[in-house]
Amino acid sequence: MRIPDFFIVGQFKSGTTALYQILRQHPQVFMPELKELWFHSPELRARALARGSKTRPTTLEGYLSLFEEARPGQRIGEATPSYLISPGAAGRIADLQPDARIIAIFREPASFLRSFHLQNVQNHNETEGDLRKALALVELRREGKAIPPFAGRPLELLYSDHVRYVEQLRRYHAVFAADQIKVLIYEDFRADNEGIVREVLRFLEVDDTLAIAAIDANPTVRVRSPRIHEAVRSVSMGRGRAPRLVKAAVKTVTPQRLRRDAAAFERRLQFGKPRIPDEQLMAELQNRFRGEVVALSEYLDRDLVELWGYDSRT
């Protein structure tokens, strides 16, 4: 079986989905249809595994089978943002593929936390819709308390742990050579999508001259009503006898086209554009994480303090 050649390891809400979708279009690259395989970070989805989740591979054979359709000569890769925050993912990847190329993307901390929190609410991994309150729950959740009932990945809710950028990078530099690791900055990716993608293609040693279509994937949205969102989720997932019967009946009598239209209407009903950020909270977060930004700037030898607007923070 073929073993992956490269890994997009994170960060969440920092362009990993867009990069994954762009690379999948390249004829010299193979990436499976399933994104976020989680195979090398099982500790971060222990709840989902304990419930018998069948959506992700749990054995090496199952994992490698996802790459069987790769053609000879293609670079094989996968994208799982949790590999960046996982304490053990770097070592597991190195054990499987010591020659792997690693791609990490970092984003300004305050905007990252806001976007990631909204994503967790959308995915039912988070029930606290207020970011300030969710941040205040981190220490309780570290003790296994205040975990949402349907959270399959509770360790992701330790929001402040995600902003340990230098620590995360050091885990990879400890097991991979420096030239095997490509660090990207999300704001660069947004500003020059095509240019950054061509950098990545050169890093992967594939043709970087082909046409590239820019993609804005996985946009940040706001859940309009948590109650409606959870009710719709219960029916769609078939939780309980009544929702299962409703789901089965709808699927039986409704044409596929109408189901697609209904799904689009459901999404408009549930989600809207994010509200304007709480400027006071954003300023507090920037003050809180300025030290991490300074440390990453020194580690990468790049002035992220000015790029991310932290030069006025103390």
C-alpha atoms as a PDB file:
ATOM      1  CA  MET A   1       0.000   0.000   0.000  1.00  0.00           C
ATOM      2  CA  ARG A   2       1.099   3.567  -0.730  1.00  0.00           C
ATOM      3  CA  ILE A   3       2.041   5.791   2.206  1.00  0.00           C
ATOM      4  CA  PRO A   4       1.270   9.547   2.139  1.00  0.00           C
ATOM      5  CA  ASP A   5       4.122  11.821   1.040  1.00  0.00           C
ATOM      6  CA  PHE A   6       2.838  15.023   2.622  1.00  0.00           C
ATOM      7  CA  PHE A   7       0.511  16.214   5.373  1.00  0.00           C
ATOM      8  CA  ILE A   8      -1.381  19.487   5.795  1.00  0.00           C
ATOM      9  CA  VAL A   9      -1.350  19.526   9.591  1.00  0.00           C
ATOM     10  CA  GLY A  10      -3.271  22.711  10.428  1.00  0.00           C
ATOM     11  CA  GLN A  11      -4.187  25.192  11.825  1.00  0.00           C
ATOM     12  CA  PHE A  12      -8.002  25.112  11.959  1.00  0.00           C
ATOM     13  CA  LYS A  13      -9.848  27.898  10.093  1.00  0.00           C
ATOM     14  CA  SER A  14      -6.667  28.999   8.376  1.00  0.00           C
ATOM     15  CA  GLY A  15      -7.123  27.944   4.772  1.00  0.00           C
ATOM     16  CA  THR A  16      -6.444  24.218   5.084  1.00  0.00           C
ATOM     17  CA  THR A  17      -9.690  23.296   3.318  1.00  0.00           C
ATOM     18  CA  ALA A  18      -9.027  25.672   0.419  1.00  0.00           C
ATOM     19  CA  LEU A  19      -5.464  24.385   0.034  1.00  0.00           C
ATOM     20  CA  TYR A  20      -6.697  20.802   0.162  1.00  0.00           C
ATOM     21  CA  GLN A  21      -9.287  21.447  -2.554  1.00  0.00           C
ATOM     22  CA  ILE A  22      -6.810  23.262  -4.789  1.00  0.00           C
ATOM     23  CA  LEU A  23      -4.150  20.560  -4.480  1.00  0.00           C
ATOM     24  CA  ARG A  24      -6.697  17.845  -5.249  1.00  0.00           C
ATOM     25  CA  GLN A  25      -7.186  19.393  -8.688  1.00  0.00           C
ATOM     26  CA  HIS A  26      -3.508  19.010  -9.582  1.00  0.00           C
ATOM     27  CA  PRO A  27      -2.889  15.984 -11.839  1.00  0.00           C
ATOM     28  CA  GLN A  28       0.354  15.123 -10.040  1.00  0.00           C
ATOM     29  CA  VAL A  29      -1.259  15.110  -6.594  1.00  0.00           C
ATOM     30  CA  PHE A  30      -3.632  12.614  -5.000  1.00  0.00           C
ATOM     31  CA  MET A  31      -5.642  13.386  -1.896  1.00  0.00           C
ATOM     32  CA  PRO A  32      -8.652  11.278  -0.803  1.00  0.00           C
ATOM     33  CA  GLU A  33     -12.169  12.661  -0.980  1.00  0.00           C
ATOM     34  CA  LEU A  34     -12.360  12.458   2.795  1.00  0.00           C
ATOM     35  CA  LYS A  35     -10.682  15.402   4.533  1.00  0.00           C
ATOM     36  CA  GLU A  36      -9.632  15.339   8.181  1.00  0.00           C
ATOM     37  CA  LEU A  37      -8.811  11.668   8.596  1.00  0.00           C
ATOM     38  CA  TRP A  38      -7.725  12.074  12.256  1.00  0.00           C
ATOM     39  CA  PHE A  39      -5.726   8.840  12.085  1.00  0.00           C
ATOM     40  CA  HIS A  40      -2.577  10.256  13.680  1.00  0.00           C
ATOM     41  CA  SER A  41      -4.453  12.191  16.403  1.00  0.00           C
ATOM     42  CA  PRO A  42      -6.840   9.616  17.932  1.00  0.00           C
ATOM     43  CA  GLU A  43      -6.601  11.197  21.396  1.00  0.00           C
ATOM     44  CA  LEU A  44      -8.375  14.306  20.106  1.00  0.00           C
ATOM     45  CA  ARG A  45     -11.493  12.427  19.057  1.00  0.00           C
ATOM     46  CA  ALA A  46     -11.609   9.799  21.777  1.00  0.00           C
ATOM     47  CA  ARG A  47     -15.313  10.378  22.395  1.00  0.00           C
ATOM     48  CA  ALA A  48     -16.230   9.778  18.771  1.00  0.00           C
ATOM     49  CA  LEU A  49     -14.099   6.610  18.713  1.00  0.00           C
ATOM     50  CA  ALA A  50     -15.694   5.382  21.938  1.00  0.00           C
ATOM     51  CA  ARG A  51     -19.121   5.756  20.332  1.00  0.00           C
ATOM     52  CA  GLY A  52     -18.066   3.520  17.473  1.00  0.00           C
ATOM     53  CA  SER A  53     -17.641   6.234  14.848  1.00  0.00           C
ATOM     54  CA  LYS A  54     -17.307   4.624  11.439  1.00  0.00           C
ATOM     55  CA  THR A  55     -16.589   7.756   9.443  1.00  0.00           C
ATOM     56  CA  ARG A  56     -12.817   7.688   9.905  1.00  0.00           C
ATOM     57  CA  PRO A  57     -10.271   4.848   9.693  1.00  0.00           C
ATOM     58  CA  THR A  58      -9.014   3.376  12.961  1.00  0.00           C
ATOM     59  CA  THR A  59      -6.587   0.787  11.574  1.00  0.00           C
ATOM     60  CA  LEU A  60      -3.450   1.266   9.478  1.00  0.00           C
ATOM     61  CA  GLU A  61      -4.889  -0.949   6.767  1.00  0.00           C
ATOM     62  CA  GLY A  62      -8.070   1.115   6.609  1.00  0.00           C
ATOM     63  CA  TYR A  63      -6.088   4.334   6.589  1.00  0.00           C
ATOM     64  CA  LEU A  64      -3.753   3.309   3.763  1.00  0.00           C
ATOM     65  CA  SER A  65      -6.665   1.938   1.735  1.00  0.00           C
ATOM     66  CA  LEU A  66      -7.837   5.535   1.249  1.00  0.00           C
ATOM     67  CA  PHE A  67      -4.801   6.152  -0.958  1.00  0.00           C
ATOM     68  CA  GLU A  68      -5.097   3.035  -3.144  1.00  0.00           C
ATOM     69  CA  GLU A  69      -6.483   4.964  -6.125  1.00  0.00           C
ATOM     70  CA  ALA A  70      -3.356   7.117  -6.450  1.00  0.00           C
ATOM     71  CA  ARG A  71      -1.636   6.734  -9.787  1.00  0.00           C
ATOM     72  CA  PRO A  72       2.070   5.909 -10.089  1.00  0.00           C
ATOM     73  CA  GLY A  73       4.157   9.065  -9.787  1.00  0.00           C
ATOM     74  CA  GLN A  74       1.516  11.106  -7.972  1.00  0.00           C
ATOM     75  CA  ARG A  75       2.341  12.823  -4.704  1.00  0.00           C
ATOM     76  CA  ILE A  76       0.001  11.501  -2.017  1.00  0.00           C
ATOM     77  CA  GLY A  77      -1.233  13.682   0.806  1.00  0.00           C
ATOM     78  CA  GLU A  78      -3.906  14.264   3.400  1.00  0.00           C
ATOM     79  CA  ALA A  79      -5.168  17.254   5.399  1.00  0.00           C
ATOM     80  CA  THR A  80      -6.049  17.025   9.094  1.00  0.00           C
ATOM     81  CA  PRO A  81      -5.835  20.283  11.082  1.00  0.00           C
ATOM     82  CA  SER A  82      -5.801  18.454  14.426  1.00  0.00           C
ATOM     83  CA  TYR A  83      -2.302  17.139  13.696  1.00  0.00           C
ATOM     84  CA  LEU A  84      -0.875  20.524  14.644  1.00  0.00           C
ATOM     85  CA  ILE A  85      -2.314  20.614  18.166  1.00  0.00           C
ATOM     86  CA  SER A  86      -1.974  16.884  18.836  1.00  0.00           C
ATOM     87  CA  PRO A  87       0.958  16.140  21.174  1.00  0.00           C
ATOM     88  CA  GLY A  88       1.618  12.813  19.453  1.00  0.00           C
ATOM     89  CA  ALA A  89       0.758  13.334  15.777  1.00  0.00           C
ATOM     90  CA  ALA A  90       4.219  14.534  14.699  1.00  0.00           C
ATOM     91  CA  GLY A  91       5.889  11.437  16.103  1.00  0.00           C
ATOM     92  CA  ARG A  92       3.287   9.091  14.650  1.00  0.00           C
ATOM     93  CA  ILE A  93       3.639  10.638  11.201  1.00  0.00           C
ATOM     94  CA  ALA A  94       7.440  10.438  11.394  1.00  0.00           C
ATOM     95  CA  ASP A  95       7.251   6.756  12.387  1.00  0.00           C
ATOM     96  CA  LEU A  96       5.082   5.999   9.369  1.00  0.00           C
ATOM     97  CA  GLN A  97       6.775   8.287   6.844  1.00  0.00           C
ATOM     98  CA  PRO A  98      10.113   9.809   7.959  1.00  0.00           C
ATOM     99  CA  ASP A  99      10.497  11.543   4.573  1.00  0.00           C
ATOM    100  CA  ALA A 100       7.123  13.276   4.775  1.00  0.00           C
ATOM    101  CA  ARG A 101       6.674  16.931   3.807  1.00  0.00           C
ATOM    102  CA  ILE A 102       4.740  18.925   6.416  1.00  0.00           C
ATOM    103  CA  ILE A 103       2.606  22.014   5.708  1.00  0.00           C
ATOM    104  CA  ALA A 104       1.427  24.199   8.611  1.00  0.00           C
ATOM    105  CA  ILE A 105      -0.611  27.411   8.373  1.00  0.00           C
ATOM    106  CA  PHE A 106      -0.832  29.987  11.174  1.00  0.00           C
ATOM    107  CA  ARG A 107      -3.375  32.769  11.632  1.00  0.00           C
ATOM    108  CA  GLU A 108      -3.549  35.863  13.832  1.00  0.00           C
ATOM    109  CA  PRO A 109      -4.709  34.478  17.217  1.00  0.00           C
ATOM    110  CA  ALA A 110      -7.751  36.663  17.984  1.00  0.00           C
ATOM    111  CA  SER A 111      -9.375  36.236  14.560  1.00  0.00           C
ATOM    112  CA  PHE A 112      -8.508  32.532  14.621  1.00  0.00           C
ATOM    113  CA  LEU A 113     -10.193  31.959  17.993  1.00  0.00           C
ATOM    114  CA  ARG A 114     -13.317  33.856  16.928  1.00  0.00           C
ATOM    115  CA  SER A 115     -13.624  31.908  13.682  1.00  0.00           C
ATOM    116  CA  PHE A 116     -12.815  28.552  15.291  1.00  0.00           C
ATOM    117  CA  HIS A 117     -15.385  29.086  18.037  1.00  0.00           C
ATOM    118  CA  LEU A 118     -18.085  29.825  15.454  1.00  0.00           C
ATOM    119  CA  GLN A 119     -17.083  26.662  13.578  1.00  0.00           C
ATOM    120  CA  ASN A 120     -17.377  24.583  16.745  1.00  0.00           C
ATOM    121  CA  VAL A 121     -20.863  25.950  17.371  1.00  0.00           C
ATOM    122  CA  GLN A 122     -21.845  25.172  13.789  1.00  0.00           C
ATOM    123  CA  ASN A 123     -20.511  21.607  14.114  1.00  0.00           C
ATOM    124  CA  HIS A 124     -22.291  20.955  17.437  1.00  0.00           C
ATOM    125  CA  ASN A 125     -18.953  20.511  19.155  1.00  0.00           C
ATOM    126  CA  GLU A 126     -19.732  23.645  21.201  1.00  0.00           C
ATOM    127  CA  THR A 127     -22.959  24.746  22.887  1.00  0.00           C
ATOM    128  CA  GLU A 128     -21.746  28.037  24.376  1.00  0.00           C
ATOM    129  CA  GLY A 129     -22.410  30.628  21.710  1.00  0.00           C
ATOM    130  CA  ASP A 130     -20.586  33.471  23.456  1.00  0.00           C
ATOM    131  CA  LEU A 131     -16.838  33.391  22.810  1.00  0.00           C
ATOM    132  CA  ARG A 132     -15.906  35.148  26.053  1.00  0.00           C
ATOM    133  CA  LYS A 133     -17.906  32.611  28.073  1.00  0.00           C
ATOM    134  CA  ALA A 134     -16.481  29.713  26.055  1.00  0.00           C
ATOM    135  CA  LEU A 135     -12.957  30.922  26.812  1.00  0.00           C
ATOM    136  CA  ALA A 136     -13.824  31.134  30.507  1.00  0.00           C
ATOM    137  CA  LEU A 137     -14.841  27.446  30.442  1.00  0.00           C
ATOM    138  CA  VAL A 138     -11.424  26.212  29.290  1.00  0.00           C
ATOM    139  CA  GLU A 139     -10.075  25.291  32.716  1.00  0.00           C
ATOM    140  CA  LEU A 140     -13.291  23.495  33.715  1.00  0.00           C
ATOM    141  CA  ARG A 141     -13.213  21.558  30.466  1.00  0.00           C
ATOM    142  CA  ARG A 142      -9.586  20.661  31.060  1.00  0.00           C
ATOM    143  CA  GLU A 143     -10.901  18.811  34.129  1.00  0.00           C
ATOM    144  CA  GLY A 144     -13.546  17.047  32.049  1.00  0.00           C
ATOM    145  CA  LYS A 145     -16.387  19.301  33.201  1.00  0.00           C
ATOM    146  CA  ALA A 146     -18.865  21.446  31.235  1.00  0.00           C
ATOM    147  CA  ILE A 147     -18.342  19.322  28.103  1.00  0.00           C
ATOM    148  CA  PRO A 148     -21.259  19.611  25.640  1.00  0.00           C
ATOM    149  CA  PRO A 149     -23.198  16.320  25.403  1.00  0.00           C
ATOM    150  CA  PHE A 150     -22.589  15.780  21.692  1.00  0.00           C
ATOM    151  CA  ALA A 151     -18.998  17.026  21.572  1.00  0.00           C
ATOM    152  CA  GLY A 152     -17.042  14.326  19.760  1.00  0.00           C
ATOM    153  CA  ARG A 153     -13.782  16.275  20.068  1.00  0.00           C
ATOM    154  CA  PRO A 154     -13.822  17.939  23.518  1.00  0.00           C
ATOM    155  CA  LEU A 155     -10.089  18.658  23.582  1.00  0.00           C
ATOM    156  CA  GLU A 156     -10.611  21.100  20.721  1.00  0.00           C
ATOM    157  CA  LEU A 157     -12.628  23.234  23.148  1.00  0.00           C
ATOM    158  CA  LEU A 158      -9.476  24.104  25.094  1.00  0.00           C
ATOM    159  CA  TYR A 159      -9.243  27.225  22.963  1.00  0.00           C
ATOM    160  CA  SER A 160      -6.167  28.804  24.528  1.00  0.00           C
ATOM    161  CA  ASP A 161      -4.158  25.608  23.920  1.00  0.00           C
ATOM    162  CA  HIS A 162      -4.454  26.172  20.173  1.00  0.00           C
ATOM    163  CA  VAL A 163      -2.397  29.364  20.413  1.00  0.00           C
ATOM    164  CA  ARG A 164       0.870  27.658  21.297  1.00  0.00           C
ATOM    165  CA  TYR A 165       2.363  28.086  17.871  1.00  0.00           C
ATOM    166  CA  VAL A 166       6.058  27.700  18.684  1.00  0.00           C
ATOM    167  CA  GLU A 167       5.448  24.612  20.835  1.00  0.00           C
ATOM    168  CA  GLN A 168       3.460  23.051  17.992  1.00  0.00           C
ATOM    169  CA  LEU A 169       6.183  23.740  15.441  1.00  0.00           C
ATOM    170  CA  ARG A 170       8.925  22.429  17.694  1.00  0.00           C
ATOM    171  CA  ARG A 171       7.229  19.039  17.865  1.00  0.00           C
ATOM    172  CA  TYR A 172       7.612  18.743  14.086  1.00  0.00           C
ATOM    173  CA  HIS A 173      11.129  20.158  13.968  1.00  0.00           C
ATOM    174  CA  ALA A 174      12.100  17.553  16.569  1.00  0.00           C
ATOM    175  CA  VAL A 175      11.346  14.673  14.168  1.00  0.00           C
ATOM    176  CA  PHE A 176      11.652  16.239  10.686  1.00  0.00           C
ATOM    177  CA  ALA A 177      14.430  18.180   8.971  1.00  0.00           C
ATOM    178  CA  ALA A 178      13.819  21.901   8.499  1.00  0.00           C
ATOM    179  CA  ASP A 179      13.565  21.551   4.707  1.00  0.00           C
ATOM    180  CA  GLN A 180      10.704  19.060   5.145  1.00  0.00           C
ATOM    181  CA  ILE A 181       8.487  21.658   6.850  1.00  0.00           C
ATOM    182  CA  LYS A 182       6.680  24.499   5.074  1.00  0.00           C
ATOM    183  CA  VAL A 183       5.164  27.196   7.295  1.00  0.00           C
ATOM    184  CA  LEU A 184       2.528  29.450   5.736  1.00  0.00           C
ATOM    185  CA  ILE A 185       0.781  32.523   7.099  1.00  0.00           C
ATOM    186  CA  TYR A 186      -2.982  32.634   6.533  1.00  0.00           C
ATOM    187  CA  GLU A 187      -3.016  36.346   5.779  1.00  0.00           C
ATOM    188  CA  ASP A 188      -0.464  35.779   2.979  1.00  0.00           C
ATOM    189  CA  PHE A 189      -2.644  32.983   1.613  1.00  0.00           C
ATOM    190  CA  ARG A 190      -5.676  35.278   1.565  1.00  0.00           C
ATOM    191  CA  ALA A 191      -3.756  38.114  -0.082  1.00  0.00           C
ATOM    192  CA  ASP A 192      -2.032  36.032  -2.764  1.00  0.00           C
ATOM    193  CA  ASN A 193      -3.813  32.711  -3.103  1.00  0.00           C
ATOM    194  CA  GLU A 194      -2.150  31.740  -6.360  1.00  0.00           C
ATOM    195  CA  GLY A 195       1.371  32.740  -5.329  1.00  0.00           C
ATOM    196  CA  ILE A 196       1.237  30.763  -2.079  1.00  0.00           C
ATOM    197  CA  VAL A 197      -0.170  27.708  -3.819  1.00  0.00           C
ATOM    198  CA  ARG A 198       2.696  27.790  -6.323  1.00  0.00           C
ATOM    199  CA  GLU A 199       5.129  27.919  -3.396  1.00  0.00           C
ATOM    200  CA  VAL A 200       3.485  24.785  -2.018  1.00  0.00           C
ATOM    201  CA  LEU A 201       3.657  23.019  -5.384  1.00  0.00           C
ATOM    202  CA  ARG A 202       7.374  23.737  -5.596  1.00  0.00           C
ATOM    203  CA  PHE A 203       7.773  22.475  -2.036  1.00  0.00           C
ATOM    204  CA  LEU A 204       6.055  19.228  -3.079  1.00  0.00           C
ATOM    205  CA  GLU A 205       8.225  19.078  -6.219  1.00  0.00           C
ATOM    206  CA  VAL A 206       5.346  18.986  -8.694  1.00  0.00           C
ATOM    207  CA  ASP A 207       4.604  21.208 -11.693  1.00  0.00           C
ATOM    208  CA  ASP A 208       3.884  24.736 -10.444  1.00  0.00           C
ATOM    209  CA  THR A 209       3.110  26.227 -13.869  1.00  0.00           C
ATOM    210  CA  LEU A 210      -0.431  24.864 -14.287  1.00  0.00           C
ATOM    211  CA  ALA A 211      -3.458  27.156 -14.015  1.00  0.00           C
ATOM    212  CA  ILE A 212      -4.733  27.575 -10.446  1.00  0.00           C
ATOM    213  CA  ALA A 213      -8.332  28.389  -9.550  1.00  0.00           C
ATOM    214  CA  ALA A 214      -8.671  30.355  -6.305  1.00  0.00           C
ATOM    215  CA  ILE A 215     -11.036  28.801  -3.772  1.00  0.00           C
ATOM    216  CA  ASP A 216     -12.669  30.334  -0.690  1.00  0.00           C
ATOM    217  CA  ALA A 217     -13.708  27.203   1.175  1.00  0.00           C
ATOM    218  CA  ASN A 218     -15.400  26.647   4.529  1.00  0.00           C
ATOM    219  CA  PRO A 219     -16.401  30.280   5.194  1.00  0.00           C
ATOM    220  CA  THR A 220     -17.119  31.357   8.753  1.00  0.00           C
ATOM    221  CA  VAL A 221     -20.835  31.575   9.541  1.00  0.00           C
ATOM    222  CA  ARG A 222     -22.998  32.323  12.576  1.00  0.00           C
ATOM    223  CA  VAL A 223     -25.682  29.990  13.944  1.00  0.00           C
ATOM    224  CA  ARG A 224     -28.857  32.071  14.016  1.00  0.00           C
ATOM    225  CA  SER A 225     -30.688  30.011  16.659  1.00  0.00           C
ATOM    226  CA  PRO A 226     -28.985  27.262  18.700  1.00  0.00           C
ATOM    227  CA  ARG A 227     -32.383  25.648  19.437  1.00  0.00           C
ATOM    228  CA  ILE A 228     -33.375  25.421  15.772  1.00  0.00           C
ATOM    229  CA  HIS A 229     -29.860  24.295  14.884  1.00  0.00           C
ATOM    230  CA  GLU A 230     -29.961  21.438  17.421  1.00  0.00           C
ATOM    231  CA  ALA A 231     -33.503  20.408  16.453  1.00  0.00           C
ATOM    232  CA  VAL A 232     -32.605  20.198  12.773  1.00  0.00           C
ATOM    233  CA  ARG A 233     -29.448  18.295  13.655  1.00  0.00           C
ATOM    234  CA  SER A 234     -31.418  15.769  15.720  1.00  0.00           C
ATOM    235  CA  VAL A 235     -33.729  15.032  12.811  1.00  0.00           C
ATOM    236  CA  SER A 236     -30.945  14.878  10.225  1.00  0.00           C
ATOM    237  CA  MET A 237     -28.894  12.516  12.422  1.00  0.00           C
ATOM    238  CA  GLY A 238     -31.940  10.415  13.302  1.00  0.00           C
ATOM    239  CA  ARG A 239     -31.492  10.736  17.055  1.00  0.00           C
ATOM    240  CA  GLY A 240     -34.316   8.958  18.812  1.00  0.00           C
ATOM    241  CA  ARG A 241     -37.143   6.885  17.352  1.00  0.00           C
ATOM    242  CA  ALA A 242     -39.314   9.793  16.171  1.00  0.00           C
ATOM    243  CA  PRO A 243     -36.513  11.639  14.318  1.00  0.00           C
ATOM    244  CA  ARG A 244     -35.456   8.382  12.650  1.00  0.00           C
ATOM    245  CA  LEU A 245     -39.004   7.800  11.423  1.00  0.00           C
ATOM    246  CA  VAL A 246     -39.260  11.384  10.168  1.00  0.00           C
ATOM    247  CA  LYS A 247     -35.946  11.124   8.339  1.00  0.00           C
ATOM    248  CA  ALA A 248     -36.870   7.812   6.719  1.00  0.00           C
ATOM    249  CA  ALA A 249     -40.293   9.080   5.642  1.00  0.00           C
ATOM    250  CA  VAL A 250     -38.915  12.274   4.138  1.00  0.00           C
ATOM    251  CA  LYS A 251     -36.270  10.363   2.204  1.00  0.00           C
ATOM    252  CA  THR A 252     -38.845   7.896   0.884  1.00  0.00           C
ATOM    253  CA  VAL A 253     -41.424  10.333  -0.466  1.00  0.00           C
ATOM    254  CA  THR A 254     -39.316  13.354  -1.436  1.00  0.00           C
ATOM    255  CA  PRO A 255     -37.470  13.555  -4.801  1.00  0.00           C
ATOM    256  CA  GLN A 256     -33.723  14.094  -4.566  1.00  0.00           C
ATOM    257  CA  ARG A 257     -33.898  17.537  -6.220  1.00  0.00           C
ATOM    258  CA  LEU A 258     -36.438  18.769  -3.677  1.00  0.00           C
ATOM    259  CA  ARG A 259     -34.318  17.385  -0.856  1.00  0.00           C
ATOM    260  CA  ARG A 260     -31.363  19.404  -2.176  1.00  0.00           C
ATOM    261  CA  ASP A 261     -33.508  22.553  -2.344  1.00  0.00           C
ATOM    262  CA  ALA A 262     -34.770  21.899   1.174  1.00  0.00           C
ATOM    263  CA  ALA A 263     -31.205  21.456   2.421  1.00  0.00           C
ATOM    264  CA  ALA A 264     -30.212  24.813   0.894  1.00  0.00           C
ATOM    265  CA  PHE A 265     -33.224  26.492   2.541  1.00  0.00           C
ATOM    266  CA  GLU A 266     -32.366  24.789   5.842  1.00  0.00           C
ATOM    267  CA  ARG A 267     -28.845  26.211   5.675  1.00  0.00           C
ATOM    268  CA  ARG A 268     -30.146  29.735   5.025  1.00  0.00           C
ATOM    269  CA  LEU A 269     -32.529  29.315   7.971  1.00  0.00           C
ATOM    270  CA  GLN A 270     -29.826  28.144  10.359  1.00  0.00           C
ATOM    271  CA  PHE A 271     -26.812  30.240   9.369  1.00  0.00           C
ATOM    272  CA  GLY A 272     -26.063  33.885   8.715  1.00  0.00           C
ATOM    273  CA  LYS A 273     -23.108  36.186   8.388  1.00  0.00           C
ATOM    274  CA  PRO A 274     -21.038  36.522  11.570  1.00  0.00           C
ATOM    275  CA  ARG A 275     -21.752  39.538  13.730  1.00  0.00           C
ATOM    276  CA  ILE A 276     -19.198  42.337  13.943  1.00  0.00           C
ATOM    277  CA  PRO A 277     -16.391  41.195  16.272  1.00  0.00           C
ATOM    278  CA  ASP A 278     -16.423  42.376  19.876  1.00  0.00           C
ATOM    279  CA  GLU A 279     -13.588  44.890  19.597  1.00  0.00           C
ATOM    280  CA  GLN A 280     -12.946  44.928  23.343  1.00  0.00           C
ATOM    281  CA  LEU A 281     -12.619  41.134  23.440  1.00  0.00           C
ATOM    282  CA  MET A 282     -10.400  41.125  20.347  1.00  0.00           C
ATOM    283  CA  ALA A 283      -8.106  43.682  22.003  1.00  0.00           C
ATOM    284  CA  GLU A 284      -7.996  41.611  25.191  1.00  0.00           C
ATOM    285  CA  LEU A 285      -7.048  38.513  23.205  1.00  0.00           C
ATOM    286  CA  GLN A 286      -4.326  40.361  21.348  1.00  0.00           C
ATOM    287  CA  ASN A 287      -2.856  41.563  24.627  1.00  0.00           C
ATOM    288  CA  ARG A 288      -3.104  38.057  26.036  1.00  0.00           C
ATOM    289  CA  PHE A 289      -1.352  36.364  23.114  1.00  0.00           C
ATOM    290  CA  ARG A 290       1.179  39.038  22.188  1.00  0.00           C
ATOM    291  CA  GLY A 291       3.979  37.025  23.773  1.00  0.00           C
ATOM    292  CA  GLU A 292       3.171  34.051  21.552  1.00  0.00           C
ATOM    293  CA  VAL A 293       3.190  36.250  18.454  1.00  0.00           C
ATOM    294  CA  VAL A 294       6.577  37.699  19.447  1.00  0.00           C
ATOM    295  CA  ALA A 295       7.943  34.190  20.036  1.00  0.00           C
ATOM    296  CA  LEU A 296       6.671  32.951  16.658  1.00  0.00           C
ATOM    297  CA  SER A 297       8.151  36.007  14.934  1.00  0.00           C
ATOM    298  CA  GLU A 298      11.549  35.177  16.399  1.00  0.00           C
ATOM    299  CA  TYR A 299      11.174  31.465  15.647  1.00  0.00           C
ATOM    300  CA  LEU A 300      10.320  32.087  11.988  1.00  0.00           C
ATOM    301  CA  ASP A 301      12.532  35.165  11.658  1.00  0.00           C
ATOM    302  CA  ARG A 302       9.597  37.179  10.351  1.00  0.00           C
ATOM    303  CA  ASP A 303       7.871  40.243  11.821  1.00  0.00           C
ATOM    304  CA  LEU A 304       4.392  38.924  12.551  1.00  0.00           C
ATOM    305  CA  VAL A 305       3.999  41.496  15.318  1.00  0.00           C
ATOM    306  CA  GLU A 306       3.556  44.243  12.722  1.00  0.00           C
ATOM    307  CA  LEU A 307       1.748  42.062  10.170  1.00  0.00           C
ATOM    308  CA  TRP A 308      -0.886  41.036  12.714  1.00  0.00           C
ATOM    309  CA  GLY A 309      -1.166  44.479  14.316  1.00  0.00           C
ATOM    310  CA  TYR A 310       0.399  43.582  17.651  1.00  0.00           C
ATOM    311  CA  ASP A 311       2.982  46.378  17.585  1.00  0.00           C
ATOM    312  CA  SER A 312       0.596  48.603  19.565  1.00  0.00           C
ATOM    313  CA  ARG A 313      -0.080  45.922  22.202  1.00  0.00           C
ATOM    314  CA  THR A 314       1.835  45.482  25.433  1.00  0.00           C
END
